[in-house]
Amino acid sequence: MTHSEYTPDELLPLSGIQHFVFCRRQWALIHVERQWQENVLTAEGRLLHKRTDDPFFTEIRKGVITARAVPIASYRLGLSGVCDVVEFTESPDGVKLPGREGLFLPMPVEYKRGHEKRDPCDEAQLCAQAMCLEEMLAVSIPAGCLYYGETRHRLAVELTAELRELVRSMAEEMHAYFRRGYTPRVKTSKACRSCSLADICLPGLQAKTIPASQYIRQQIEGA
């Protein structure tokens, strides 16, 4: 089942697309079952985002207008959220901004606590933000940026057709899971070690399909 456009009540959190690409079960535990557990990694990420969370703050530096905590939504994707930072640079391909002369092209900048990842979860979240801005402002956004707090490195990301299709397919699948109230079975990987929901997910128990009493006994004996 596909939607040409979702209603406001059907919008899912845009930030969830990163969870979904990383692990569909993690996404479902958070967004379908409403479970959450913070660890050191998520706490550091929350503090990093807090530095950009000022919706009343804008600044102009070297001709670039920076807006923080920008609310966004796409009724085509069925997603809503907040951009950490949107930078507006003067461009003939841009849009008009209230009270300012000229045209400005928006570019989302997403802040992450760690470093570049092997999977495209961060790029998908960034691309989803850009697609929301494109729908809201009727503009084409060719690129965005990811800023990693651990490396203090800013990575430019080209918003390719392949990345956009990944966002569309992930958003559609998220809505299908949400409508069904479906939580997938676990697929264990090295990422399980740092997952904040490991104690809730119990990947070892899920993967081995052994009785809970046996799993608990193994954990106690191996402690």
N, C-alpha and C. Protein backbone atom coordinates (compact mmCIF):
# COMPACT_ATOMS: atom_id res chain seq x y z
N MET A 1 0.85 -1.20 0.00
CA MET A 1 0.00 0.00 0.00
C MET A 1 0.88 1.25 0.00
N THR A 2 0.69 2.12 -0.99
CA THR A 2 1.46 3.35 -1.06
C THR A 2 0.53 4.54 -0.91
N HIS A 3 1.09 5.65 -0.48
CA HIS A 3 0.33 6.88 -0.28
C HIS A 3 0.87 7.95 -1.22
N SER A 4 -0.04 8.73 -1.82
CA SER A 4 0.41 9.90 -2.57
C SER A 4 0.72 11.02 -1.60
N GLU A 5 -0.01 11.05 -0.48
CA GLU A 5 0.23 12.06 0.55
C GLU A 5 -0.37 11.59 1.87
N TYR A 6 0.35 11.80 2.95
CA TYR A 6 -0.10 11.41 4.28
C TYR A 6 -0.79 12.59 4.96
N THR A 7 -1.57 12.30 5.98
CA THR A 7 -2.21 13.33 6.78
C THR A 7 -1.27 13.71 7.93
N PRO A 8 -1.51 14.86 8.57
CA PRO A 8 -0.66 15.25 9.71
C PRO A 8 -0.61 14.19 10.81
N ASP A 9 -1.71 13.49 11.05
CA ASP A 9 -1.75 12.48 12.11
C ASP A 9 -0.95 11.23 11.75
N GLU A 10 -0.63 11.06 10.48
CA GLU A 10 0.09 9.87 10.03
C GLU A 10 1.60 10.08 9.97
N LEU A 11 2.06 11.29 10.19
CA LEU A 11 3.49 11.57 10.07
C LEU A 11 4.27 10.82 11.15
N LEU A 12 5.38 10.20 10.73
CA LEU A 12 6.28 9.51 11.66
C LEU A 12 7.52 10.36 11.89
N PRO A 13 8.21 10.17 13.02
CA PRO A 13 9.42 10.95 13.29
C PRO A 13 10.50 10.69 12.23
N LEU A 14 10.97 11.76 11.63
CA LEU A 14 12.01 11.63 10.59
C LEU A 14 13.28 11.00 11.14
N SER A 15 13.62 11.30 12.38
CA SER A 15 14.85 10.76 12.96
C SER A 15 14.85 9.23 12.98
N GLY A 16 13.64 8.65 12.93
CA GLY A 16 13.54 7.19 12.95
C GLY A 16 14.13 6.51 11.73
N ILE A 17 14.28 7.24 10.63
CA ILE A 17 14.81 6.60 9.43
C ILE A 17 16.25 6.13 9.64
N GLN A 18 17.00 6.85 10.49
CA GLN A 18 18.35 6.42 10.83
C GLN A 18 18.30 5.10 11.59
N HIS A 19 17.39 4.98 12.57
CA HIS A 19 17.23 3.72 13.31
C HIS A 19 16.82 2.60 12.38
N PHE A 20 15.93 2.90 11.43
CA PHE A 20 15.38 1.88 10.55
C PHE A 20 16.45 1.30 9.64
N VAL A 21 17.30 2.16 9.09
CA VAL A 21 18.38 1.69 8.22
C VAL A 21 19.40 0.90 9.04
N PHE A 22 19.68 1.37 10.26
CA PHE A 22 20.63 0.70 11.14
C PHE A 22 20.11 -0.68 11.56
N CYS A 23 18.84 -0.73 12.00
CA CYS A 23 18.26 -1.99 12.48
C CYS A 23 16.75 -1.82 12.55
N ARG A 24 16.02 -2.56 11.75
CA ARG A 24 14.56 -2.44 11.74
C ARG A 24 13.95 -2.80 13.08
N ARG A 25 14.55 -3.76 13.78
CA ARG A 25 14.03 -4.15 15.10
C ARG A 25 14.21 -3.00 16.10
N GLN A 26 15.38 -2.35 16.07
CA GLN A 26 15.59 -1.21 16.96
C GLN A 26 14.55 -0.13 16.71
N TRP A 27 14.29 0.16 15.44
CA TRP A 27 13.29 1.17 15.10
C TRP A 27 11.93 0.79 15.66
N ALA A 28 11.53 -0.48 15.49
CA ALA A 28 10.21 -0.92 15.95
C ALA A 28 10.10 -0.88 17.47
N LEU A 29 11.18 -1.25 18.17
CA LEU A 29 11.14 -1.19 19.63
C LEU A 29 10.93 0.24 20.12
N ILE A 30 11.52 1.20 19.42
CA ILE A 30 11.40 2.61 19.81
C ILE A 30 10.07 3.20 19.36
N HIS A 31 9.71 3.00 18.09
CA HIS A 31 8.59 3.74 17.51
C HIS A 31 7.27 2.97 17.49
N VAL A 32 7.33 1.66 17.54
CA VAL A 32 6.10 0.86 17.60
C VAL A 32 5.78 0.47 19.04
N GLU A 33 6.77 -0.07 19.75
CA GLU A 33 6.56 -0.51 21.14
C GLU A 33 6.83 0.58 22.16
N ARG A 34 7.37 1.73 21.70
CA ARG A 34 7.61 2.90 22.57
C ARG A 34 8.58 2.58 23.70
N GLN A 35 9.63 1.85 23.39
CA GLN A 35 10.65 1.54 24.39
C GLN A 35 11.92 2.32 24.05
N TRP A 36 12.58 2.80 25.08
CA TRP A 36 13.82 3.55 24.88
C TRP A 36 14.71 3.37 26.08
N GLN A 37 16.00 3.28 25.85
CA GLN A 37 16.96 3.15 26.94
C GLN A 37 18.23 3.87 26.52
N GLU A 38 18.66 4.82 27.34
CA GLU A 38 19.81 5.63 26.98
C GLU A 38 21.10 4.97 27.46
N ASN A 39 22.15 5.08 26.63
CA ASN A 39 23.49 4.67 27.06
C ASN A 39 24.44 5.83 26.84
N VAL A 40 25.71 5.60 27.03
CA VAL A 40 26.69 6.68 26.91
C VAL A 40 26.66 7.30 25.52
N LEU A 41 26.51 6.47 24.49
CA LEU A 41 26.54 6.98 23.12
C LEU A 41 25.35 7.89 22.84
N THR A 42 24.15 7.47 23.26
CA THR A 42 22.98 8.30 23.00
C THR A 42 22.99 9.56 23.85
N ALA A 43 23.55 9.49 25.06
CA ALA A 43 23.66 10.68 25.92
C ALA A 43 24.58 11.70 25.30
N GLU A 44 25.72 11.24 24.76
CA GLU A 44 26.65 12.16 24.11
C GLU A 44 26.00 12.79 22.88
N GLY A 45 25.26 11.99 22.14
CA GLY A 45 24.58 12.52 20.96
C GLY A 45 23.54 13.56 21.32
N ARG A 46 22.81 13.32 22.41
CA ARG A 46 21.79 14.28 22.86
C ARG A 46 22.42 15.60 23.26
N LEU A 47 23.55 15.56 23.94
CA LEU A 47 24.23 16.78 24.35
C LEU A 47 24.76 17.55 23.15
N LEU A 48 25.27 16.81 22.14
CA LEU A 48 25.76 17.46 20.93
C LEU A 48 24.64 18.18 20.21
N HIS A 49 23.46 17.55 20.11
CA HIS A 49 22.34 18.18 19.44
C HIS A 49 21.81 19.37 20.22
N LYS A 50 21.94 19.33 21.55
CA LYS A 50 21.43 20.43 22.38
C LYS A 50 22.11 21.74 22.03
N ARG A 51 23.36 21.66 21.56
CA ARG A 51 24.10 22.87 21.21
C ARG A 51 23.48 23.57 20.00
N THR A 52 22.76 22.83 19.17
CA THR A 52 22.15 23.44 17.98
C THR A 52 20.67 23.71 18.18
N ASP A 53 20.13 23.37 19.35
CA ASP A 53 18.69 23.40 19.55
C ASP A 53 18.23 24.76 20.06
N ASP A 54 18.26 25.75 19.18
CA ASP A 54 17.79 27.09 19.52
C ASP A 54 17.01 27.62 18.32
N PRO A 55 15.68 27.39 18.30
CA PRO A 55 14.88 27.75 17.13
C PRO A 55 14.78 29.25 16.89
N PHE A 56 15.23 30.06 17.84
CA PHE A 56 15.14 31.50 17.66
C PHE A 56 16.48 32.10 17.20
N PHE A 57 17.47 31.23 16.96
CA PHE A 57 18.80 31.72 16.64
C PHE A 57 19.08 31.65 15.15
N THR A 58 19.49 32.76 14.57
CA THR A 58 20.03 32.79 13.21
C THR A 58 21.26 33.68 13.24
N GLU A 59 22.17 33.40 12.34
CA GLU A 59 23.36 34.25 12.23
C GLU A 59 23.78 34.32 10.78
N ILE A 60 24.52 35.37 10.46
CA ILE A 60 25.06 35.53 9.12
C ILE A 60 26.57 35.62 9.23
N ARG A 61 27.25 34.74 8.52
CA ARG A 61 28.71 34.73 8.55
C ARG A 61 29.22 34.42 7.15
N LYS A 62 30.03 35.33 6.63
CA LYS A 62 30.60 35.18 5.29
C LYS A 62 29.52 34.94 4.24
N GLY A 63 28.41 35.64 4.38
CA GLY A 63 27.33 35.56 3.41
C GLY A 63 26.41 34.38 3.57
N VAL A 64 26.67 33.50 4.55
CA VAL A 64 25.83 32.32 4.78
C VAL A 64 24.90 32.59 5.97
N ILE A 65 23.60 32.42 5.74
CA ILE A 65 22.61 32.58 6.80
C ILE A 65 22.39 31.21 7.45
N THR A 66 22.59 31.13 8.74
CA THR A 66 22.45 29.87 9.47
C THR A 66 21.23 29.91 10.38
N ALA A 67 20.33 28.95 10.20
CA ALA A 67 19.15 28.81 11.05
C ALA A 67 19.24 27.48 11.78
N ARG A 68 18.88 27.47 13.06
CA ARG A 68 18.98 26.27 13.87
C ARG A 68 17.61 25.76 14.29
N ALA A 69 17.54 24.44 14.53
CA ALA A 69 16.31 23.77 14.99
C ALA A 69 15.13 24.15 14.11
N VAL A 70 15.25 23.85 12.81
CA VAL A 70 14.23 24.22 11.83
C VAL A 70 13.20 23.09 11.70
N PRO A 71 11.92 23.35 12.03
CA PRO A 71 10.88 22.31 11.89
C PRO A 71 10.65 21.99 10.42
N ILE A 72 10.53 20.71 10.10
CA ILE A 72 10.34 20.29 8.72
C ILE A 72 9.31 19.16 8.66
N ALA A 73 8.72 18.97 7.47
CA ALA A 73 7.77 17.88 7.28
C ALA A 73 7.64 17.59 5.79
N SER A 74 7.35 16.34 5.47
CA SER A 74 7.01 15.93 4.11
C SER A 74 5.76 15.07 4.17
N TYR A 75 4.71 15.51 3.50
CA TYR A 75 3.47 14.74 3.46
C TYR A 75 3.53 13.67 2.38
N ARG A 76 4.53 13.74 1.51
CA ARG A 76 4.74 12.67 0.54
C ARG A 76 5.45 11.49 1.18
N LEU A 77 6.46 11.78 2.00
CA LEU A 77 7.18 10.73 2.71
C LEU A 77 6.45 10.30 3.98
N GLY A 78 5.64 11.18 4.53
CA GLY A 78 4.97 10.89 5.79
C GLY A 78 5.91 11.01 6.97
N LEU A 79 6.80 12.00 6.93
CA LEU A 79 7.80 12.19 7.98
C LEU A 79 7.81 13.65 8.44
N SER A 80 8.14 13.85 9.71
CA SER A 80 8.32 15.20 10.23
C SER A 80 9.44 15.18 11.26
N GLY A 81 10.06 16.33 11.46
CA GLY A 81 11.15 16.40 12.42
C GLY A 81 11.74 17.79 12.50
N VAL A 82 13.00 17.85 12.85
CA VAL A 82 13.71 19.12 13.03
C VAL A 82 15.10 18.99 12.43
N CYS A 83 15.50 19.95 11.62
CA CYS A 83 16.87 20.03 11.12
C CYS A 83 17.74 20.67 12.20
N ASP A 84 18.88 20.05 12.50
CA ASP A 84 19.80 20.68 13.44
C ASP A 84 20.16 22.08 12.97
N VAL A 85 20.62 22.15 11.73
CA VAL A 85 21.05 23.43 11.14
C VAL A 85 20.65 23.43 9.67
N VAL A 86 20.20 24.58 9.18
CA VAL A 86 20.01 24.79 7.75
C VAL A 86 20.80 26.03 7.37
N GLU A 87 21.70 25.87 6.42
CA GLU A 87 22.50 26.99 5.93
C GLU A 87 21.93 27.47 4.60
N PHE A 88 21.73 28.78 4.50
CA PHE A 88 21.20 29.38 3.27
C PHE A 88 22.32 30.20 2.60
N THR A 89 22.66 29.79 1.39
CA THR A 89 23.71 30.47 0.62
C THR A 89 23.10 31.13 -0.60
N GLU A 90 23.52 32.36 -0.89
CA GLU A 90 22.98 33.08 -2.03
C GLU A 90 23.24 32.30 -3.31
N SER A 91 22.15 32.11 -4.10
CA SER A 91 22.25 31.31 -5.32
C SER A 91 21.08 31.64 -6.24
N PRO A 92 21.31 31.67 -7.56
CA PRO A 92 20.20 31.91 -8.49
C PRO A 92 19.19 30.76 -8.49
N ASP A 93 19.58 29.60 -7.95
CA ASP A 93 18.67 28.45 -7.89
C ASP A 93 17.93 28.37 -6.55
N GLY A 94 18.06 29.41 -5.73
CA GLY A 94 17.49 29.39 -4.39
C GLY A 94 16.08 29.92 -4.30
N VAL A 95 15.69 30.25 -3.09
CA VAL A 95 14.34 30.75 -2.81
C VAL A 95 14.45 32.08 -2.08
N LYS A 96 13.36 32.83 -2.07
CA LYS A 96 13.35 34.10 -1.35
C LYS A 96 13.15 33.83 0.13
N LEU A 97 13.81 34.64 0.95
CA LEU A 97 13.65 34.57 2.39
C LEU A 97 13.01 35.87 2.88
N PRO A 98 12.10 35.77 3.83
CA PRO A 98 11.41 36.98 4.31
C PRO A 98 12.40 38.03 4.81
N GLY A 99 12.22 39.26 4.32
CA GLY A 99 13.03 40.37 4.79
C GLY A 99 14.44 40.42 4.23
N ARG A 100 14.76 39.58 3.23
CA ARG A 100 16.12 39.57 2.68
C ARG A 100 16.08 39.67 1.17
N GLU A 101 17.04 40.40 0.63
CA GLU A 101 17.16 40.56 -0.81
C GLU A 101 17.87 39.35 -1.41
N GLY A 102 17.49 38.97 -2.62
CA GLY A 102 18.16 37.89 -3.32
C GLY A 102 17.52 36.54 -3.09
N LEU A 103 18.14 35.51 -3.67
CA LEU A 103 17.67 34.14 -3.55
C LEU A 103 18.71 33.32 -2.78
N PHE A 104 18.23 32.38 -1.97
CA PHE A 104 19.14 31.60 -1.12
C PHE A 104 18.82 30.11 -1.23
N LEU A 105 19.87 29.30 -1.41
CA LEU A 105 19.72 27.86 -1.52
C LEU A 105 19.94 27.22 -0.15
N PRO A 106 18.96 26.47 0.36
CA PRO A 106 19.13 25.83 1.67
C PRO A 106 19.96 24.56 1.59
N MET A 107 20.69 24.27 2.66
CA MET A 107 21.45 23.03 2.78
C MET A 107 21.37 22.54 4.22
N PRO A 108 20.81 21.34 4.46
CA PRO A 108 20.74 20.82 5.82
C PRO A 108 22.10 20.36 6.31
N VAL A 109 22.36 20.58 7.60
CA VAL A 109 23.58 20.10 8.24
C VAL A 109 23.15 19.31 9.48
N GLU A 110 23.49 18.03 9.52
CA GLU A 110 23.10 17.16 10.62
C GLU A 110 24.31 16.86 11.49
N TYR A 111 24.14 17.00 12.80
CA TYR A 111 25.22 16.78 13.76
C TYR A 111 25.14 15.36 14.33
N LYS A 112 26.27 14.65 14.31
CA LYS A 112 26.37 13.31 14.85
C LYS A 112 27.52 13.24 15.85
N ARG A 113 27.37 12.43 16.91
CA ARG A 113 28.36 12.39 17.98
C ARG A 113 29.63 11.64 17.58
N GLY A 114 29.51 10.62 16.74
CA GLY A 114 30.64 9.71 16.49
C GLY A 114 31.46 10.06 15.26
N HIS A 115 31.57 9.07 14.39
CA HIS A 115 32.36 9.22 13.18
C HIS A 115 31.60 8.61 12.01
N GLU A 116 32.17 8.68 10.81
CA GLU A 116 31.50 8.14 9.63
C GLU A 116 31.18 6.65 9.83
N LYS A 117 30.04 6.24 9.30
CA LYS A 117 29.59 4.85 9.42
C LYS A 117 29.68 4.13 8.08
N ARG A 118 29.74 2.82 8.16
CA ARG A 118 29.81 2.02 6.94
C ARG A 118 28.46 1.94 6.24
N ASP A 119 27.38 1.96 7.02
CA ASP A 119 26.06 1.91 6.40
C ASP A 119 25.57 3.34 6.15
N PRO A 120 24.53 3.48 5.31
CA PRO A 120 24.09 4.83 4.92
C PRO A 120 23.03 5.43 5.83
N CYS A 121 22.98 5.04 7.13
CA CYS A 121 21.90 5.52 8.00
C CYS A 121 21.95 7.04 8.18
N ASP A 122 23.14 7.60 8.37
CA ASP A 122 23.25 9.06 8.54
C ASP A 122 22.89 9.79 7.26
N GLU A 123 23.39 9.27 6.13
CA GLU A 123 23.09 9.89 4.84
C GLU A 123 21.60 9.86 4.53
N ALA A 124 20.94 8.77 4.91
CA ALA A 124 19.50 8.65 4.66
C ALA A 124 18.73 9.70 5.47
N GLN A 125 19.11 9.89 6.74
CA GLN A 125 18.44 10.90 7.56
C GLN A 125 18.66 12.29 6.99
N LEU A 126 19.87 12.59 6.58
CA LEU A 126 20.18 13.89 5.99
C LEU A 126 19.38 14.11 4.70
N CYS A 127 19.33 13.07 3.86
CA CYS A 127 18.60 13.18 2.60
C CYS A 127 17.11 13.38 2.85
N ALA A 128 16.56 12.70 3.85
CA ALA A 128 15.15 12.88 4.19
C ALA A 128 14.88 14.32 4.62
N GLN A 129 15.80 14.92 5.36
CA GLN A 129 15.66 16.32 5.75
C GLN A 129 15.62 17.22 4.51
N ALA A 130 16.53 16.97 3.57
CA ALA A 130 16.58 17.76 2.35
C ALA A 130 15.29 17.61 1.54
N MET A 131 14.76 16.38 1.48
CA MET A 131 13.54 16.14 0.72
C MET A 131 12.35 16.85 1.37
N CYS A 132 12.35 16.96 2.69
CA CYS A 132 11.32 17.74 3.38
C CYS A 132 11.43 19.23 3.00
N LEU A 133 12.64 19.75 3.05
CA LEU A 133 12.86 21.15 2.70
C LEU A 133 12.48 21.43 1.25
N GLU A 134 12.80 20.49 0.38
CA GLU A 134 12.45 20.65 -1.04
C GLU A 134 10.94 20.75 -1.21
N GLU A 135 10.20 19.90 -0.50
CA GLU A 135 8.74 19.91 -0.61
C GLU A 135 8.16 21.19 -0.01
N MET A 136 8.72 21.65 1.10
CA MET A 136 8.20 22.84 1.77
C MET A 136 8.51 24.12 1.00
N LEU A 137 9.70 24.18 0.38
CA LEU A 137 10.17 25.43 -0.23
C LEU A 137 10.12 25.42 -1.75
N ALA A 138 9.73 24.28 -2.35
CA ALA A 138 9.67 24.15 -3.81
C ALA A 138 11.02 24.49 -4.43
N VAL A 139 12.06 23.79 -3.96
CA VAL A 139 13.42 24.04 -4.43
C VAL A 139 14.14 22.70 -4.54
N SER A 140 15.18 22.65 -5.34
CA SER A 140 15.99 21.43 -5.48
C SER A 140 17.28 21.60 -4.68
N ILE A 141 17.58 20.63 -3.81
CA ILE A 141 18.76 20.71 -2.95
C ILE A 141 19.72 19.59 -3.35
N PRO A 142 20.86 19.91 -3.91
CA PRO A 142 21.76 18.87 -4.43
C PRO A 142 22.63 18.20 -3.38
N ALA A 143 22.84 18.83 -2.23
CA ALA A 143 23.79 18.28 -1.26
C ALA A 143 23.46 18.74 0.15
N GLY A 144 24.01 18.02 1.11
CA GLY A 144 23.91 18.38 2.52
C GLY A 144 25.22 18.07 3.20
N CYS A 145 25.28 18.26 4.51
CA CYS A 145 26.53 17.99 5.24
C CYS A 145 26.23 17.24 6.53
N LEU A 146 27.16 16.36 6.90
CA LEU A 146 27.16 15.68 8.19
C LEU A 146 28.36 16.16 8.98
N TYR A 147 28.13 16.57 10.23
CA TYR A 147 29.23 16.99 11.09
C TYR A 147 29.38 15.96 12.21
N TYR A 148 30.58 15.38 12.32
CA TYR A 148 30.82 14.34 13.32
C TYR A 148 31.62 14.91 14.49
N GLY A 149 31.02 14.82 15.69
CA GLY A 149 31.62 15.41 16.88
C GLY A 149 32.90 14.74 17.31
N GLU A 150 33.02 13.42 17.09
CA GLU A 150 34.21 12.71 17.54
C GLU A 150 35.44 13.11 16.73
N THR A 151 35.26 13.25 15.44
CA THR A 151 36.38 13.60 14.56
C THR A 151 36.44 15.09 14.24
N ARG A 152 35.38 15.82 14.64
CA ARG A 152 35.27 17.25 14.30
C ARG A 152 35.44 17.45 12.79
N HIS A 153 34.82 16.55 12.06
CA HIS A 153 34.96 16.54 10.61
C HIS A 153 33.60 16.79 9.97
N ARG A 154 33.59 17.62 8.95
CA ARG A 154 32.36 17.93 8.21
C ARG A 154 32.43 17.23 6.86
N LEU A 155 31.43 16.39 6.60
CA LEU A 155 31.41 15.57 5.39
C LEU A 155 30.29 16.05 4.46
N ALA A 156 30.66 16.41 3.25
CA ALA A 156 29.67 16.80 2.24
C ALA A 156 29.04 15.53 1.66
N VAL A 157 27.73 15.55 1.51
CA VAL A 157 27.00 14.38 1.02
C VAL A 157 26.19 14.78 -0.22
N GLU A 158 26.47 14.13 -1.34
CA GLU A 158 25.68 14.35 -2.55
C GLU A 158 24.36 13.58 -2.41
N LEU A 159 23.26 14.27 -2.66
CA LEU A 159 21.94 13.66 -2.51
C LEU A 159 21.53 13.05 -3.84
N THR A 160 22.05 11.85 -4.07
CA THR A 160 21.88 11.16 -5.36
C THR A 160 20.48 10.59 -5.52
N ALA A 161 20.18 10.17 -6.75
CA ALA A 161 18.90 9.52 -7.02
C ALA A 161 18.78 8.23 -6.23
N GLU A 162 19.89 7.50 -6.09
CA GLU A 162 19.88 6.23 -5.34
C GLU A 162 19.57 6.47 -3.86
N LEU A 163 20.17 7.52 -3.30
CA LEU A 163 19.93 7.84 -1.89
C LEU A 163 18.49 8.28 -1.67
N ARG A 164 17.96 9.04 -2.59
CA ARG A 164 16.56 9.49 -2.49
C ARG A 164 15.60 8.31 -2.57
N GLU A 165 15.91 7.34 -3.44
CA GLU A 165 15.06 6.17 -3.56
C GLU A 165 15.12 5.33 -2.30
N LEU A 166 16.30 5.26 -1.67
CA LEU A 166 16.43 4.56 -0.39
C LEU A 166 15.52 5.20 0.66
N VAL A 167 15.52 6.53 0.72
CA VAL A 167 14.67 7.25 1.68
C VAL A 167 13.20 6.94 1.42
N ARG A 168 12.79 6.99 0.17
CA ARG A 168 11.39 6.73 -0.16
C ARG A 168 10.98 5.31 0.23
N SER A 169 11.83 4.33 -0.10
CA SER A 169 11.49 2.94 0.20
C SER A 169 11.49 2.69 1.71
N MET A 170 12.45 3.29 2.44
CA MET A 170 12.50 3.12 3.89
C MET A 170 11.27 3.76 4.55
N ALA A 171 10.88 4.94 4.09
CA ALA A 171 9.72 5.62 4.66
C ALA A 171 8.46 4.80 4.43
N GLU A 172 8.32 4.25 3.24
CA GLU A 172 7.15 3.43 2.94
C GLU A 172 7.13 2.17 3.81
N GLU A 173 8.28 1.54 4.00
CA GLU A 173 8.36 0.34 4.82
C GLU A 173 8.08 0.65 6.29
N MET A 174 8.60 1.79 6.77
CA MET A 174 8.33 2.21 8.14
C MET A 174 6.83 2.35 8.38
N HIS A 175 6.14 2.98 7.46
CA HIS A 175 4.70 3.16 7.62
C HIS A 175 3.97 1.82 7.59
N ALA A 176 4.43 0.89 6.75
CA ALA A 176 3.81 -0.43 6.70
C ALA A 176 3.98 -1.16 8.03
N TYR A 177 5.17 -1.10 8.61
CA TYR A 177 5.42 -1.72 9.91
C TYR A 177 4.56 -1.07 10.99
N PHE A 178 4.49 0.26 10.95
CA PHE A 178 3.75 1.00 11.98
C PHE A 178 2.26 0.67 11.93
N ARG A 179 1.71 0.60 10.72
CA ARG A 179 0.28 0.28 10.59
C ARG A 179 -0.02 -1.12 11.14
N ARG A 180 0.92 -2.04 10.92
CA ARG A 180 0.72 -3.43 11.38
C ARG A 180 1.07 -3.61 12.86
N GLY A 181 1.78 -2.64 13.44
CA GLY A 181 2.29 -2.82 14.79
C GLY A 181 3.32 -3.94 14.84
N TYR A 182 4.14 -4.01 13.80
CA TYR A 182 5.04 -5.16 13.61
C TYR A 182 6.44 -4.87 14.12
N THR A 183 6.99 -5.78 14.92
CA THR A 183 8.38 -5.72 15.38
C THR A 183 9.13 -6.92 14.82
N PRO A 184 10.11 -6.72 13.95
CA PRO A 184 10.83 -7.84 13.34
C PRO A 184 11.67 -8.61 14.35
N ARG A 185 12.00 -9.83 14.00
CA ARG A 185 12.93 -10.60 14.80
C ARG A 185 14.33 -10.01 14.65
N VAL A 186 15.19 -10.31 15.60
CA VAL A 186 16.53 -9.74 15.61
C VAL A 186 17.42 -10.39 14.56
N LYS A 187 18.31 -9.60 14.00
CA LYS A 187 19.40 -10.09 13.16
C LYS A 187 20.69 -9.61 13.82
N THR A 188 21.39 -10.51 14.49
CA THR A 188 22.54 -10.10 15.29
C THR A 188 23.69 -9.65 14.40
N SER A 189 24.44 -8.67 14.91
CA SER A 189 25.63 -8.16 14.23
C SER A 189 26.52 -7.50 15.28
N LYS A 190 27.69 -7.02 14.86
CA LYS A 190 28.58 -6.32 15.77
C LYS A 190 27.94 -5.07 16.35
N ALA A 191 27.00 -4.49 15.61
CA ALA A 191 26.33 -3.26 16.06
C ALA A 191 25.52 -3.49 17.33
N CYS A 192 25.12 -4.74 17.59
CA CYS A 192 24.33 -5.04 18.80
C CYS A 192 25.08 -4.65 20.07
N ARG A 193 26.42 -4.67 20.02
CA ARG A 193 27.22 -4.39 21.22
C ARG A 193 27.03 -2.97 21.72
N SER A 194 26.82 -2.03 20.81
CA SER A 194 26.69 -0.62 21.21
C SER A 194 25.25 -0.13 21.18
N CYS A 195 24.31 -1.02 20.86
CA CYS A 195 22.90 -0.62 20.77
C CYS A 195 22.36 -0.30 22.16
N SER A 196 21.68 0.83 22.29
CA SER A 196 21.14 1.26 23.58
C SER A 196 19.97 0.39 24.02
N LEU A 197 19.42 -0.43 23.12
CA LEU A 197 18.27 -1.26 23.46
C LEU A 197 18.64 -2.73 23.61
N ALA A 198 19.93 -3.03 23.76
CA ALA A 198 20.36 -4.42 23.83
C ALA A 198 19.70 -5.17 24.98
N ASP A 199 19.53 -4.51 26.14
CA ASP A 199 18.95 -5.17 27.30
C ASP A 199 17.46 -5.43 27.12
N ILE A 200 16.83 -4.68 26.23
CA ILE A 200 15.41 -4.89 25.94
C ILE A 200 15.24 -5.87 24.78
N CYS A 201 16.09 -5.71 23.77
CA CYS A 201 16.01 -6.54 22.58
C CYS A 201 16.41 -7.99 22.86
N LEU A 202 17.44 -8.18 23.74
CA LEU A 202 18.00 -9.49 24.05
C LEU A 202 18.38 -10.24 22.77
N PRO A 203 19.33 -9.69 22.01
CA PRO A 203 19.69 -10.32 20.73
C PRO A 203 20.20 -11.74 20.88
N GLY A 204 20.90 -12.05 21.97
CA GLY A 204 21.38 -13.41 22.17
C GLY A 204 20.26 -14.40 22.30
N LEU A 205 19.23 -14.02 23.05
CA LEU A 205 18.07 -14.89 23.23
C LEU A 205 17.30 -15.05 21.93
N GLN A 206 17.11 -13.94 21.22
CA GLN A 206 16.34 -13.98 19.98
C GLN A 206 17.03 -14.83 18.92
N ALA A 207 18.37 -14.65 18.83
CA ALA A 207 19.11 -15.33 17.77
C ALA A 207 19.18 -16.83 18.00
N LYS A 208 19.33 -17.24 19.26
CA LYS A 208 19.52 -18.66 19.56
C LYS A 208 18.20 -19.41 19.72
N THR A 209 17.11 -18.67 19.85
CA THR A 209 15.77 -19.24 20.04
C THR A 209 15.78 -20.34 21.10
N ILE A 210 16.40 -20.03 22.27
CA ILE A 210 16.42 -20.95 23.39
C ILE A 210 15.45 -20.46 24.44
N PRO A 211 15.03 -21.31 25.37
CA PRO A 211 14.12 -20.86 26.43
C PRO A 211 14.73 -19.73 27.25
N ALA A 212 13.89 -18.81 27.70
CA ALA A 212 14.37 -17.66 28.46
C ALA A 212 15.13 -18.09 29.70
N SER A 213 14.64 -19.14 30.39
CA SER A 213 15.31 -19.59 31.61
C SER A 213 16.73 -20.07 31.32
N GLN A 214 16.91 -20.74 30.18
CA GLN A 214 18.24 -21.22 29.80
C GLN A 214 19.16 -20.07 29.47
N TYR A 215 18.61 -19.06 28.75
CA TYR A 215 19.42 -17.89 28.38
C TYR A 215 19.89 -17.15 29.64
N ILE A 216 18.97 -16.94 30.60
CA ILE A 216 19.31 -16.22 31.82
C ILE A 216 20.38 -17.00 32.61
N ARG A 217 20.24 -18.33 32.67
CA ARG A 217 21.21 -19.14 33.38
C ARG A 217 22.59 -19.04 32.74
N GLN A 218 22.62 -19.03 31.41
CA GLN A 218 23.90 -18.90 30.70
C GLN A 218 24.55 -17.55 31.00
N GLN A 219 23.73 -16.50 31.08
CA GLN A 219 24.29 -15.18 31.36
C GLN A 219 24.84 -15.11 32.78
N ILE A 220 24.16 -15.74 33.74
CA ILE A 220 24.61 -15.74 35.12
C ILE A 220 25.90 -16.54 35.26
N GLU A 221 25.95 -17.70 34.65
CA GLU A 221 27.12 -18.56 34.74
C GLU A 221 28.32 -17.95 34.04
N GLY A 222 28.07 -17.15 33.01
CA GLY A 222 29.19 -16.55 32.26
C GLY A 222 29.63 -15.22 32.81
N ALA A 223 28.95 -14.73 33.86
CA ALA A 223 29.27 -13.42 34.44
C ALA A 223 30.59 -13.48 35.21
